Amino acid sequence: MTTVRLSSRRLSSDILSEIEELSGQNLYACYQCGKCSAGCPLGFAADLLPHQIMRLLQLGMTKEVFASQAPWLCVACMTCATRCPKGVDVAKVMEAIRTIQLREGRGALQVFSPPAELVAEVPQLATVSAFRKLSF
């Protein structure tokens, strides 16, 4: 486990501001109840759960978030938004993360050559969502 030193510069970066602007969500409203992760239909396949993504963003750990496959697996089913007691729409945050990565020419999901084991485990909705995500 790596040690991260918190600083005001890390907690108020341009990337975090851009994520908030694109998603229309307050990243710091999340108080880590975990209801979003408990209801996530793809939580079993993700390397990070929705509440973990939110915490990493709150801590300014954007490199870890951008290295994660979780934003690319999110199917925007809105379960997280429905369950959140603070009204945070994590699916919109995931969409903002994907948008930033696509604008930078980075995309973690290769929908034309998915591994066979992934095809067997991931719901069809995830594949359809992947095509939508790459059509910016």
C-alpha atoms as a PDB file:
ATOM      1  CA  MET A   1       0.000   0.000   0.000  1.00  0.00           C
ATOM      2  CA  THR A   2       1.338   3.407  -0.937  1.00  0.00           C
ATOM      3  CA  THR A   3       1.323   6.343   1.412  1.00  0.00           C
ATOM      4  CA  VAL A   4      -0.271   9.497   0.056  1.00  0.00           C
ATOM      5  CA  ARG A   5       0.366  12.884   1.552  1.00  0.00           C
ATOM      6  CA  LEU A   6      -2.687  15.107   1.498  1.00  0.00           C
ATOM      7  CA  SER A   7      -2.358  18.733   0.598  1.00  0.00           C
ATOM      8  CA  SER A   8      -4.753  21.497  -0.360  1.00  0.00           C
ATOM      9  CA  ARG A   9      -3.264  21.429  -3.864  1.00  0.00           C
ATOM     10  CA  ARG A  10      -4.055  17.728  -4.250  1.00  0.00           C
ATOM     11  CA  LEU A  11      -7.594  18.179  -2.928  1.00  0.00           C
ATOM     12  CA  SER A  12      -8.444  21.037  -5.286  1.00  0.00           C
ATOM     13  CA  SER A  13      -6.936  20.008  -8.607  1.00  0.00           C
ATOM     14  CA  ASP A  14      -8.085  21.041 -12.059  1.00  0.00           C
ATOM     15  CA  ILE A  15      -9.071  17.448 -12.848  1.00  0.00           C
ATOM     16  CA  LEU A  16     -11.391  17.267  -9.830  1.00  0.00           C
ATOM     17  CA  SER A  17     -12.950  20.585 -10.813  1.00  0.00           C
ATOM     18  CA  GLU A  18     -13.442  19.292 -14.345  1.00  0.00           C
ATOM     19  CA  ILE A  19     -15.081  16.091 -13.060  1.00  0.00           C
ATOM     20  CA  GLU A  20     -17.445  18.148 -10.902  1.00  0.00           C
ATOM     21  CA  GLU A  21     -18.236  20.478 -13.806  1.00  0.00           C
ATOM     22  CA  LEU A  22     -18.857  17.688 -16.328  1.00  0.00           C
ATOM     23  CA  SER A  23     -20.913  15.557 -13.947  1.00  0.00           C
ATOM     24  CA  GLY A  24     -22.744  18.339 -12.140  1.00  0.00           C
ATOM     25  CA  GLN A  25     -22.029  16.482  -8.882  1.00  0.00           C
ATOM     26  CA  ASN A  26     -20.381  17.549  -5.640  1.00  0.00           C
ATOM     27  CA  LEU A  27     -17.680  14.923  -5.046  1.00  0.00           C
ATOM     28  CA  TYR A  28     -17.425  15.884  -1.396  1.00  0.00           C
ATOM     29  CA  ALA A  29     -21.112  15.251  -0.657  1.00  0.00           C
ATOM     30  CA  CYS A  30     -20.415  11.504  -0.516  1.00  0.00           C
ATOM     31  CA  TYR A  31     -19.926  10.347   3.073  1.00  0.00           C
ATOM     32  CA  GLN A  32     -19.052   6.733   2.256  1.00  0.00           C
ATOM     33  CA  CYS A  33     -22.200   4.922   3.356  1.00  0.00           C
ATOM     34  CA  GLY A  34     -21.533   2.266   0.702  1.00  0.00           C
ATOM     35  CA  LYS A  35     -25.120   1.984  -0.555  1.00  0.00           C
ATOM     36  CA  CYS A  36     -23.985   2.670  -4.121  1.00  0.00           C
ATOM     37  CA  SER A  37     -21.525  -0.214  -3.995  1.00  0.00           C
ATOM     38  CA  ALA A  38     -23.985  -2.562  -2.307  1.00  0.00           C
ATOM     39  CA  GLY A  39     -26.427  -2.156  -5.182  1.00  0.00           C
ATOM     40  CA  CYS A  40     -23.981  -2.022  -8.085  1.00  0.00           C
ATOM     41  CA  PRO A  41     -24.784  -4.876 -10.493  1.00  0.00           C
ATOM     42  CA  LEU A  42     -21.196  -4.902 -11.795  1.00  0.00           C
ATOM     43  CA  GLY A  43     -19.475  -4.555  -8.435  1.00  0.00           C
ATOM     44  CA  PHE A  44     -18.365  -8.188  -8.660  1.00  0.00           C
ATOM     45  CA  ALA A  45     -16.380  -7.474 -11.848  1.00  0.00           C
ATOM     46  CA  ALA A  46     -14.911  -4.073 -10.969  1.00  0.00           C
ATOM     47  CA  ASP A  47     -11.477  -3.540  -9.496  1.00  0.00           C
ATOM     48  CA  LEU A  48     -12.829  -0.603  -7.466  1.00  0.00           C
ATOM     49  CA  LEU A  49     -16.350  -0.192  -6.120  1.00  0.00           C
ATOM     50  CA  PRO A  50     -18.280   3.064  -6.659  1.00  0.00           C
ATOM     51  CA  HIS A  51     -17.750   4.304  -3.102  1.00  0.00           C
ATOM     52  CA  GLN A  52     -14.016   3.609  -3.436  1.00  0.00           C
ATOM     53  CA  ILE A  53     -13.874   5.668  -6.630  1.00  0.00           C
ATOM     54  CA  MET A  54     -15.592   8.519  -4.803  1.00  0.00           C
ATOM     55  CA  ARG A  55     -13.165   8.325  -1.857  1.00  0.00           C
ATOM     56  CA  LEU A  56     -10.121   8.274  -4.117  1.00  0.00           C
ATOM     57  CA  LEU A  57     -11.434  11.360  -5.901  1.00  0.00           C
ATOM     58  CA  GLN A  58     -12.086  13.073  -2.572  1.00  0.00           C
ATOM     59  CA  LEU A  59      -8.474  12.382  -1.643  1.00  0.00           C
ATOM     60  CA  GLY A  60      -7.207  13.704  -4.970  1.00  0.00           C
ATOM     61  CA  MET A  61      -5.919  10.293  -6.042  1.00  0.00           C
ATOM     62  CA  THR A  62      -6.914  10.694  -9.690  1.00  0.00           C
ATOM     63  CA  LYS A  63      -4.106   8.492 -11.057  1.00  0.00           C
ATOM     64  CA  GLU A  64      -5.569   5.502  -9.242  1.00  0.00           C
ATOM     65  CA  VAL A  65      -9.054   6.320 -10.521  1.00  0.00           C
ATOM     66  CA  PHE A  66      -7.877   6.743 -14.124  1.00  0.00           C
ATOM     67  CA  ALA A  67      -5.964   3.444 -13.895  1.00  0.00           C
ATOM     68  CA  SER A  68      -9.127   1.634 -12.787  1.00  0.00           C
ATOM     69  CA  GLN A  69     -11.406  -0.364 -15.064  1.00  0.00           C
ATOM     70  CA  ALA A  70     -14.474   0.521 -12.940  1.00  0.00           C
ATOM     71  CA  PRO A  71     -15.517   3.689 -14.821  1.00  0.00           C
ATOM     72  CA  TRP A  72     -15.474   1.707 -18.076  1.00  0.00           C
ATOM     73  CA  LEU A  73     -17.575  -1.104 -16.616  1.00  0.00           C
ATOM     74  CA  CYS A  74     -20.268   1.205 -15.233  1.00  0.00           C
ATOM     75  CA  VAL A  75     -23.497   0.617 -17.161  1.00  0.00           C
ATOM     76  CA  ALA A  76     -25.172   3.793 -15.861  1.00  0.00           C
ATOM     77  CA  CYS A  77     -28.089   1.799 -14.442  1.00  0.00           C
ATOM     78  CA  MET A  78     -28.640   4.604 -11.907  1.00  0.00           C
ATOM     79  CA  THR A  79     -28.887   2.223  -8.941  1.00  0.00           C
ATOM     80  CA  CYS A  80     -26.192   4.247  -7.179  1.00  0.00           C
ATOM     81  CA  ALA A  81     -28.069   7.522  -7.635  1.00  0.00           C
ATOM     82  CA  THR A  82     -31.327   5.972  -6.468  1.00  0.00           C
ATOM     83  CA  ARG A  83     -29.770   4.600  -3.287  1.00  0.00           C
ATOM     84  CA  CYS A  84     -27.590   7.575  -2.358  1.00  0.00           C
ATOM     85  CA  PRO A  85     -28.954   9.405   0.720  1.00  0.00           C
ATOM     86  CA  LYS A  86     -27.078  12.551  -0.367  1.00  0.00           C
ATOM     87  CA  GLY A  87     -28.299  12.440  -3.979  1.00  0.00           C
ATOM     88  CA  VAL A  88     -24.869  11.937  -5.526  1.00  0.00           C
ATOM     89  CA  ASP A  89     -25.151  10.434  -9.002  1.00  0.00           C
ATOM     90  CA  VAL A  90     -22.030   8.277  -9.212  1.00  0.00           C
ATOM     91  CA  ALA A  91     -22.913   7.195 -12.775  1.00  0.00           C
ATOM     92  CA  LYS A  92     -22.528  10.824 -13.891  1.00  0.00           C
ATOM     93  CA  VAL A  93     -19.137  10.948 -12.162  1.00  0.00           C
ATOM     94  CA  MET A  94     -18.092   7.757 -13.985  1.00  0.00           C
ATOM     95  CA  GLU A  95     -19.234   9.285 -17.281  1.00  0.00           C
ATOM     96  CA  ALA A  96     -17.156  12.400 -16.576  1.00  0.00           C
ATOM     97  CA  ILE A  97     -14.088  10.244 -15.860  1.00  0.00           C
ATOM     98  CA  ARG A  98     -14.558   8.387 -19.153  1.00  0.00           C
ATOM     99  CA  THR A  99     -15.073  11.658 -21.038  1.00  0.00           C
ATOM    100  CA  ILE A 100     -11.832  13.115 -19.677  1.00  0.00           C
ATOM    101  CA  GLN A 101      -9.920   9.984 -20.603  1.00  0.00           C
ATOM    102  CA  LEU A 102     -11.380   9.895 -24.115  1.00  0.00           C
ATOM    103  CA  ARG A 103     -10.510  13.575 -24.616  1.00  0.00           C
ATOM    104  CA  GLU A 104      -6.934  12.715 -23.668  1.00  0.00           C
ATOM    105  CA  GLY A 105      -6.904   9.835 -26.140  1.00  0.00           C
ATOM    106  CA  ARG A 106      -6.966   7.148 -23.471  1.00  0.00           C
ATOM    107  CA  GLY A 107      -9.662   4.516 -23.367  1.00  0.00           C
ATOM    108  CA  ALA A 108      -9.434   1.465 -21.167  1.00  0.00           C
ATOM    109  CA  LEU A 109     -12.152  -0.579 -22.826  1.00  0.00           C
ATOM    110  CA  GLN A 110     -11.561  -2.459 -26.065  1.00  0.00           C
ATOM    111  CA  VAL A 111     -15.064  -3.497 -27.111  1.00  0.00           C
ATOM    112  CA  PHE A 112     -13.977  -5.119 -30.367  1.00  0.00           C
ATOM    113  CA  SER A 113     -11.691  -7.647 -28.721  1.00  0.00           C
ATOM    114  CA  PRO A 114     -12.993  -8.465 -25.233  1.00  0.00           C
ATOM    115  CA  PRO A 115     -11.486 -11.484 -23.468  1.00  0.00           C
ATOM    116  CA  ALA A 116     -13.736 -14.567 -23.602  1.00  0.00           C
ATOM    117  CA  GLU A 117     -13.962 -14.811 -19.794  1.00  0.00           C
ATOM    118  CA  LEU A 118     -15.199 -11.218 -19.621  1.00  0.00           C
ATOM    119  CA  VAL A 119     -17.884 -11.862 -22.243  1.00  0.00           C
ATOM    120  CA  ALA A 120     -19.108 -14.822 -20.212  1.00  0.00           C
ATOM    121  CA  GLU A 121     -19.363 -12.817 -16.968  1.00  0.00           C
ATOM    122  CA  VAL A 122     -20.470  -9.321 -17.991  1.00  0.00           C
ATOM    123  CA  PRO A 123     -24.154  -8.667 -18.761  1.00  0.00           C
ATOM    124  CA  GLN A 124     -25.062  -7.760 -22.337  1.00  0.00           C
ATOM    125  CA  LEU A 125     -26.045  -4.274 -21.148  1.00  0.00           C
ATOM    126  CA  ALA A 126     -22.388  -3.640 -20.296  1.00  0.00           C
ATOM    127  CA  THR A 127     -21.316  -4.397 -23.859  1.00  0.00           C
ATOM    128  CA  VAL A 128     -23.988  -2.141 -25.336  1.00  0.00           C
ATOM    129  CA  SER A 129     -22.974   0.576 -22.882  1.00  0.00           C
ATOM    130  CA  ALA A 130     -19.342   0.174 -23.948  1.00  0.00           C
ATOM    131  CA  PHE A 131     -20.222   0.970 -27.556  1.00  0.00           C
ATOM    132  CA  ARG A 132     -22.079   4.075 -26.400  1.00  0.00           C
ATOM    133  CA  LYS A 133     -19.097   5.186 -24.335  1.00  0.00           C
ATOM    134  CA  LEU A 134     -16.775   5.053 -27.328  1.00  0.00           C
ATOM    135  CA  SER A 135     -19.016   7.064 -29.611  1.00  0.00           C
ATOM    136  CA  PHE A 136     -17.989  10.556 -28.450  1.00  0.00           C
END
